[in-house]
Amino acid sequence: MKTELEVFKESIYQSWENLISHLPAFLLAIFIFLIGILIIKIINKYTTNIIISKANDPLIADFILSVISLCLTVLLFVICSGILGFDDVTNKILAGAGLTTFIIGFALKDIGENFLAGILMAFQKPFRIGDLIKIGNIKGRVIEMSLRSTTIKTLDGIDAYVPNASILKNNLENFTIDELLRNDFIIGVTHDERVQEVIELLEAILKNNNFVLEIPNHTVWVDKIENDIVYIAVYYWYRTDEIKAPGGKLKTDLQLNMYATLKQKNFNLPTTTLVVQNL
């Protein structure tokens, strides 16, 4: 009967023989692994430049790079395991990973859908932070964007959290993507032969305002005549990135200036018809 020392020596010898026999495959696996890591780094560096130049969003770039790195690392692990002869173990791991991925993907379908929608939006850039947009019945300024949802500050001060997938599925209106916005209002004056003079005065006020753009051109014209009152429509464009003249303030300044000028020139302005409505 073998002694414990002989059994130990035999075990050490057999382990050494196994190590020697598998040494070429082990060294090859290490070499392939190191080369693979180097290739993954090169691919990540090249991909980073492409993604950032297209998406111009570090958050999206990091997310996509993490996914690419994970996929390439798993592929490298499978290759190295196959070289070492662990095909059965690798197949079981891949099968388990595939089943787990299916279960998790089904459970988190909505989250994954929103993430993919966020990635698509990062490349398409339908809006930016600060843009005035309308999605369905929600209208307001974009104050935050993430891979899962977009936060909109509505005109009445409510923060609306809209899933990115819903944004892609609904009609989207962006009022400020080109940093230009048109505004309008109506002024009513009594009907007399001086209507043309009123139009000229209003056009002069628009022209002399530093925040009203010349291109696209502003316009002043008669909208309708009703009950001896002439309704004059005023259209003008302004830049939405001009913080000194936000839309509401500019509109107020123009109307007050026009009102004061017309009163100074002795035009009759019915109190019930000044700024009748927005077109």
Protein backbone atom coordinates (compact mmCIF):
# COMPACT_ATOMS: atom_id res chain seq x y z
CA MET A 1 0.00 0.00 0.00
CA LYS A 2 1.38 3.33 -0.98
CA THR A 3 2.40 5.66 1.71
CA GLU A 4 1.05 9.17 1.94
CA LEU A 5 4.43 10.52 0.86
CA GLU A 6 4.43 8.39 -2.29
CA VAL A 7 0.89 9.47 -3.14
CA PHE A 8 1.91 13.12 -2.68
CA LYS A 9 4.99 12.66 -4.87
CA GLU A 10 2.92 10.95 -7.57
CA SER A 11 0.36 13.77 -7.46
CA ILE A 12 3.07 16.40 -7.80
CA TYR A 13 4.65 14.50 -10.70
CA GLN A 14 1.33 14.08 -12.49
CA SER A 15 0.54 17.79 -12.05
CA TRP A 16 3.94 18.67 -13.46
CA GLU A 17 3.39 16.39 -16.44
CA ASN A 18 0.01 18.04 -17.07
CA LEU A 19 1.59 21.47 -16.80
CA ILE A 20 4.32 20.57 -19.28
CA SER A 21 1.82 19.07 -21.71
CA HIS A 22 -0.47 22.10 -21.54
CA LEU A 23 2.31 24.69 -21.38
CA PRO A 24 2.28 25.50 -25.14
CA ALA A 25 -1.48 26.04 -25.09
CA PHE A 26 -1.22 28.07 -21.88
CA LEU A 27 1.52 30.31 -23.34
CA LEU A 28 -0.44 30.68 -26.56
CA ALA A 29 -3.57 31.67 -24.60
CA ILE A 30 -1.60 34.28 -22.67
CA PHE A 31 -0.11 35.63 -25.90
CA ILE A 32 -3.53 35.76 -27.59
CA PHE A 33 -5.00 37.43 -24.50
CA LEU A 34 -2.34 40.15 -24.42
CA ILE A 35 -2.63 40.76 -28.16
CA GLY A 36 -6.41 40.84 -27.81
CA ILE A 37 -6.28 43.44 -25.00
CA LEU A 38 -4.01 45.60 -27.17
CA ILE A 39 -6.38 45.29 -30.13
CA ILE A 40 -9.38 46.16 -27.93
CA LYS A 41 -7.61 49.34 -26.73
CA ILE A 42 -6.81 50.33 -30.31
CA ILE A 43 -10.42 49.69 -31.38
CA ASN A 44 -11.72 51.71 -28.41
CA LYS A 45 -9.45 54.63 -29.24
CA TYR A 46 -10.47 54.63 -32.90
CA THR A 47 -14.15 54.16 -32.04
CA THR A 48 -14.02 56.97 -29.47
CA ASN A 49 -12.94 59.48 -32.11
CA ILE A 50 -15.73 58.38 -34.45
CA ILE A 51 -18.49 58.37 -31.81
CA ILE A 52 -17.54 61.72 -30.27
CA SER A 53 -17.32 63.35 -33.70
CA LYS A 54 -20.78 62.03 -34.57
CA ALA A 55 -22.62 62.19 -31.25
CA ASN A 56 -20.68 64.96 -29.50
CA ASP A 57 -21.96 63.55 -26.22
CA PRO A 58 -19.49 62.06 -23.67
CA LEU A 59 -22.27 60.16 -21.87
CA ILE A 60 -23.37 58.38 -25.01
CA ALA A 61 -19.77 57.79 -26.06
CA ASP A 62 -18.90 56.15 -22.73
CA PHE A 63 -21.99 53.96 -22.86
CA ILE A 64 -21.35 52.72 -26.38
CA LEU A 65 -17.65 52.16 -25.67
CA SER A 66 -18.50 50.16 -22.56
CA VAL A 67 -20.81 47.91 -24.57
CA ILE A 68 -18.20 47.42 -27.30
CA SER A 69 -15.45 46.70 -24.76
CA LEU A 70 -17.64 44.18 -22.94
CA CYS A 71 -18.53 42.32 -26.14
CA LEU A 72 -14.91 42.20 -27.32
CA THR A 73 -13.67 41.09 -23.89
CA VAL A 74 -16.21 38.25 -23.75
CA LEU A 75 -15.19 37.19 -27.25
CA LEU A 76 -11.50 37.23 -26.23
CA PHE A 77 -12.30 35.16 -23.12
CA VAL A 78 -14.12 32.57 -25.24
CA ILE A 79 -11.18 32.31 -27.67
CA CYS A 80 -8.62 31.89 -24.88
CA SER A 81 -10.80 29.32 -23.10
CA GLY A 82 -11.07 27.34 -26.32
CA ILE A 83 -7.27 27.35 -26.71
CA LEU A 84 -6.91 25.98 -23.15
CA GLY A 85 -9.39 23.19 -23.90
CA PHE A 86 -12.28 24.48 -21.83
CA ASP A 87 -14.79 24.23 -24.65
CA ASP A 88 -17.43 22.50 -22.52
CA VAL A 89 -17.13 25.06 -19.74
CA THR A 90 -17.22 27.91 -22.24
CA ASN A 91 -20.33 26.53 -23.94
CA LYS A 92 -22.10 26.20 -20.59
CA ILE A 93 -21.15 29.75 -19.62
CA LEU A 94 -22.33 31.12 -22.96
CA ALA A 95 -25.58 29.16 -22.74
CA GLY A 96 -26.21 30.42 -19.23
CA ALA A 97 -25.30 33.96 -20.21
CA GLY A 98 -27.64 33.80 -23.19
CA LEU A 99 -30.54 32.59 -21.06
CA THR A 100 -29.82 35.19 -18.39
CA THR A 101 -29.60 37.93 -21.00
CA PHE A 102 -32.95 36.86 -22.45
CA ILE A 103 -34.64 36.89 -19.05
CA ILE A 104 -33.14 40.25 -18.03
CA GLY A 105 -33.85 41.75 -21.44
CA PHE A 106 -37.50 40.68 -21.29
CA ALA A 107 -37.90 42.00 -17.74
CA LEU A 108 -36.26 45.32 -18.54
CA LYS A 109 -37.70 45.74 -22.03
CA ASP A 110 -39.02 49.27 -21.43
CA ILE A 111 -35.74 50.44 -19.88
CA GLY A 112 -33.76 48.99 -22.76
CA GLU A 113 -36.11 50.60 -25.26
CA ASN A 114 -35.60 53.99 -23.63
CA PHE A 115 -31.82 53.52 -23.61
CA LEU A 116 -31.76 52.68 -27.31
CA ALA A 117 -34.02 55.66 -28.01
CA GLY A 118 -31.63 57.88 -26.04
CA ILE A 119 -28.71 56.68 -28.13
CA LEU A 120 -30.59 57.36 -31.38
CA MET A 121 -31.53 60.84 -30.16
CA ALA A 122 -27.89 61.58 -29.31
CA PHE A 123 -26.94 60.96 -32.94
CA GLN A 124 -29.98 62.63 -34.53
CA LYS A 125 -29.95 65.65 -32.16
CA PRO A 126 -33.65 66.60 -32.55
CA PHE A 127 -33.21 69.11 -29.71
CA ARG A 128 -30.69 70.43 -27.20
CA ILE A 129 -30.81 71.60 -23.61
CA GLY A 130 -32.58 74.96 -23.55
CA ASP A 131 -34.66 74.34 -26.68
CA LEU A 132 -38.39 75.06 -26.61
CA ILE A 133 -40.14 71.89 -27.78
CA LYS A 134 -43.58 70.32 -27.85
CA ILE A 135 -44.22 66.57 -27.52
CA GLY A 136 -47.88 65.62 -27.64
CA ASN A 137 -49.57 68.01 -25.21
CA ILE A 138 -46.35 68.81 -23.31
CA LYS A 139 -44.64 72.09 -24.24
CA GLY A 140 -41.65 73.63 -22.51
CA ARG A 141 -37.88 74.03 -22.26
CA VAL A 142 -35.53 71.04 -22.21
CA ILE A 143 -33.59 71.25 -18.94
CA GLU A 144 -32.01 67.79 -18.74
CA MET A 145 -31.27 64.86 -21.06
CA SER A 146 -30.24 61.33 -20.11
CA LEU A 147 -30.14 57.94 -21.78
CA ARG A 148 -33.48 56.99 -20.24
CA SER A 149 -35.60 60.16 -20.21
CA THR A 150 -35.77 63.86 -21.02
CA THR A 151 -36.84 66.48 -18.48
CA ILE A 152 -38.96 69.36 -19.78
CA LYS A 153 -39.82 72.47 -17.78
CA THR A 154 -43.33 73.33 -18.97
CA LEU A 155 -44.51 76.90 -19.41
CA ASP A 156 -46.40 76.72 -16.10
CA GLY A 157 -43.30 75.56 -14.20
CA ILE A 158 -43.97 71.82 -14.01
CA ASP A 159 -41.08 69.38 -14.56
CA ALA A 160 -42.23 66.71 -17.01
CA TYR A 161 -40.13 63.53 -17.28
CA VAL A 162 -40.70 62.06 -20.73
CA PRO A 163 -39.31 58.59 -21.61
CA ASN A 164 -37.07 58.77 -24.66
CA ALA A 165 -39.01 56.01 -26.40
CA SER A 166 -42.18 58.13 -26.15
CA ILE A 167 -40.36 61.04 -27.78
CA LEU A 168 -39.48 58.94 -30.82
CA LYS A 169 -43.02 57.57 -31.06
CA ASN A 170 -44.78 60.96 -30.91
CA ASN A 171 -44.69 64.05 -33.09
CA LEU A 172 -41.97 66.44 -31.96
CA GLU A 173 -42.00 70.19 -32.58
CA ASN A 174 -38.81 72.19 -31.93
CA PHE A 175 -39.41 75.94 -31.88
CA THR A 176 -35.81 77.02 -31.29
CA ILE A 177 -33.46 74.52 -32.94
CA ASP A 178 -32.15 77.17 -35.36
CA GLU A 179 -32.16 79.82 -32.57
CA LEU A 180 -34.85 81.80 -34.43
CA LEU A 181 -38.47 82.29 -33.44
CA ARG A 182 -41.31 84.31 -34.90
CA ASN A 183 -43.80 86.15 -32.76
CA ASP A 184 -46.89 88.20 -33.61
CA PHE A 185 -49.70 90.25 -32.23
CA ILE A 186 -52.56 92.47 -33.45
CA ILE A 187 -53.20 96.14 -32.81
CA GLY A 188 -56.60 97.70 -33.49
CA VAL A 189 -57.10 101.32 -34.57
CA THR A 190 -60.21 103.20 -35.62
CA HIS A 191 -60.88 103.26 -39.34
CA ASP A 192 -59.78 106.47 -41.09
CA GLU A 193 -57.62 107.59 -43.97
CA ARG A 194 -54.41 107.39 -41.88
CA VAL A 195 -54.18 103.58 -41.76
CA GLN A 196 -51.18 103.56 -44.10
CA GLU A 197 -49.41 105.98 -41.77
CA VAL A 198 -50.05 103.61 -38.87
CA ILE A 199 -48.46 100.76 -40.81
CA GLU A 200 -45.41 102.89 -41.60
CA LEU A 201 -45.01 103.90 -37.94
CA LEU A 202 -45.21 100.29 -36.76
CA GLU A 203 -42.69 99.19 -39.38
CA ALA A 204 -40.32 101.96 -38.25
CA ILE A 205 -40.57 100.80 -34.63
CA LEU A 206 -39.72 97.23 -35.64
CA LYS A 207 -36.82 98.41 -37.76
CA ASN A 208 -35.35 100.53 -34.97
CA ASN A 209 -35.51 97.76 -32.36
CA ASN A 210 -32.08 96.11 -31.94
CA PHE A 211 -33.55 92.70 -31.15
CA VAL A 212 -35.94 92.45 -34.11
CA LEU A 213 -34.18 90.76 -37.02
CA GLU A 214 -34.08 92.18 -40.53
CA ILE A 215 -33.60 88.68 -41.96
CA PRO A 216 -36.08 86.97 -41.82
CA ASN A 217 -37.92 90.19 -42.52
CA HIS A 218 -40.65 91.58 -40.26
CA THR A 219 -44.04 92.44 -41.75
CA VAL A 220 -46.99 94.67 -40.87
CA TRP A 221 -50.28 94.31 -42.71
CA VAL A 222 -54.04 94.72 -42.34
CA ASP A 223 -55.56 91.51 -41.03
CA LYS A 224 -59.24 92.57 -41.25
CA ILE A 225 -61.61 95.51 -40.96
CA GLU A 226 -64.61 95.09 -38.72
CA ASN A 227 -67.06 97.53 -37.07
CA ASP A 228 -65.01 100.56 -38.14
CA ILE A 229 -61.91 99.05 -36.54
CA VAL A 230 -58.82 98.12 -38.52
CA TYR A 231 -56.93 95.14 -37.12
CA ILE A 232 -53.25 95.41 -38.02
CA ALA A 233 -51.10 92.27 -37.72
CA VAL A 234 -47.46 92.60 -36.69
CA TYR A 235 -45.01 89.77 -37.43
CA TYR A 236 -41.36 89.77 -36.42
CA TRP A 237 -38.43 87.41 -35.84
CA TYR A 238 -35.90 87.37 -33.01
CA ARG A 239 -33.04 85.20 -31.80
CA THR A 240 -33.90 82.82 -28.97
CA ASP A 241 -30.30 82.84 -27.69
CA GLU A 242 -30.45 86.59 -26.98
CA ILE A 243 -30.80 86.62 -23.19
CA LYS A 244 -31.37 90.40 -23.08
CA ALA A 245 -34.58 90.09 -25.10
CA PRO A 246 -36.58 86.99 -24.15
CA GLY A 247 -39.75 86.49 -26.15
CA GLY A 248 -42.24 87.81 -23.60
CA LYS A 249 -40.26 90.93 -22.73
CA LEU A 250 -39.56 91.83 -26.36
CA LYS A 251 -43.22 91.45 -27.25
CA THR A 252 -44.25 93.65 -24.31
CA ASP A 253 -41.68 96.33 -25.16
CA LEU A 254 -42.81 96.47 -28.78
CA GLN A 255 -46.49 96.75 -27.93
CA LEU A 256 -45.95 99.46 -25.33
CA ASN A 257 -43.72 101.41 -27.71
CA MET A 258 -46.27 101.15 -30.50
CA TYR A 259 -49.10 102.11 -28.19
CA ALA A 260 -47.25 105.19 -26.89
CA THR A 261 -46.19 106.26 -30.39
CA LEU A 262 -49.69 105.98 -31.82
CA LYS A 263 -51.17 107.91 -28.88
CA GLN A 264 -48.52 110.59 -29.34
CA LYS A 265 -49.50 110.88 -33.02
CA ASN A 266 -53.17 111.28 -31.99
CA PHE A 267 -54.42 107.97 -33.39
CA ASN A 268 -57.53 106.56 -31.79
CA LEU A 269 -56.85 103.22 -30.07
CA PRO A 270 -60.02 101.55 -28.76
CA THR A 271 -59.17 100.17 -25.34
CA THR A 272 -60.85 96.91 -26.10
CA THR A 273 -58.96 96.25 -29.29
CA LEU A 274 -55.29 96.72 -28.37
CA VAL A 275 -53.63 93.30 -28.55
CA VAL A 276 -56.85 91.50 -29.41
CA GLN A 277 -55.29 88.06 -29.83
CA ASN A 278 -52.30 86.07 -30.94
CA LEU A 279 -52.40 84.76 -34.45
